[in-house]
Amino acid sequence: MTLPEQRWFKSSHSGSEGTACVEVALTPRTVHIRDSKRRDGPHLSIPAPAWAGFLLYAAGG
């Protein structure tokens, strides 16, 4: 399901060829993540604090 009220943006780590892209939409409480090739398909909704923790972990911090 596409969430039109949200502004989606492509991850800076997505491939330049556009074949392996992740898009993210931020809201005050939730981060939404989807595959750019399946914009109308399923997406993940993660609580913002959990996403922040994931980013710290992924960055090695």
Protein backbone atom coordinates (compact mmCIF):
# COMPACT_ATOMS: atom_id res chain seq x y z
CA MET A 1 0.00 0.00 0.00
CA THR A 2 1.41 3.40 -0.99
CA LEU A 3 1.20 6.12 1.62
CA PRO A 4 0.63 9.31 -0.42
CA GLU A 5 0.93 11.73 2.49
CA GLN A 6 4.51 10.66 3.02
CA ARG A 7 7.57 11.77 1.14
CA TRP A 8 9.59 8.78 -0.02
CA PHE A 9 13.27 9.07 -0.83
CA LYS A 10 15.83 6.64 -2.18
CA SER A 11 18.59 5.38 0.06
CA SER A 12 22.00 6.91 -0.65
CA HIS A 13 23.34 3.34 -0.59
CA SER A 14 21.09 2.11 -3.40
CA GLY A 15 22.75 1.08 -6.63
CA SER A 16 23.18 3.71 -9.33
CA GLU A 17 21.58 1.40 -11.90
CA GLY A 18 18.26 1.52 -10.07
CA THR A 19 17.95 -2.25 -9.81
CA ALA A 20 18.42 -2.65 -6.06
CA CYS A 21 16.84 0.41 -4.48
CA VAL A 22 15.37 0.96 -1.07
CA GLU A 23 13.07 3.91 -0.37
CA VAL A 24 12.30 5.37 3.03
CA ALA A 25 9.55 7.68 4.29
CA LEU A 26 9.95 9.35 7.67
CA THR A 27 7.21 10.40 10.04
CA PRO A 28 7.62 11.60 13.63
CA ARG A 29 6.94 8.16 15.13
CA THR A 30 7.51 5.70 12.30
CA VAL A 31 9.95 4.93 9.49
CA HIS A 32 8.49 3.22 6.41
CA ILE A 33 10.74 1.16 4.12
CA ARG A 34 9.87 -0.25 0.69
CA ASP A 35 11.37 -1.71 -2.46
CA SER A 36 11.41 0.99 -5.14
CA LYS A 37 10.46 -1.57 -7.79
CA ARG A 38 7.26 -2.46 -5.88
CA ARG A 39 5.94 0.90 -4.73
CA ASP A 40 2.40 -0.42 -4.37
CA GLY A 41 3.61 -3.60 -2.69
CA PRO A 42 4.18 -4.29 0.99
CA HIS A 43 6.43 -2.11 3.11
CA LEU A 44 7.93 -2.25 6.58
CA SER A 45 6.84 0.17 9.29
CA ILE A 46 9.39 0.51 12.08
CA PRO A 47 9.12 2.66 15.25
CA ALA A 48 11.51 5.60 14.90
CA PRO A 49 13.57 4.71 18.03
CA ALA A 50 14.09 1.15 16.75
CA TRP A 51 15.21 2.50 13.36
CA ALA A 52 17.69 4.85 15.06
CA GLY A 53 19.09 1.89 17.01
CA PHE A 54 19.40 -0.14 13.82
CA LEU A 55 21.29 2.67 12.09
CA LEU A 56 23.73 2.92 15.01
CA TYR A 57 24.26 -0.84 14.91
CA ALA A 58 24.69 -0.89 11.12
CA ALA A 59 27.24 1.93 11.33
CA GLY A 60 29.26 -0.11 13.81
CA GLY A 61 28.61 2.23 16.72
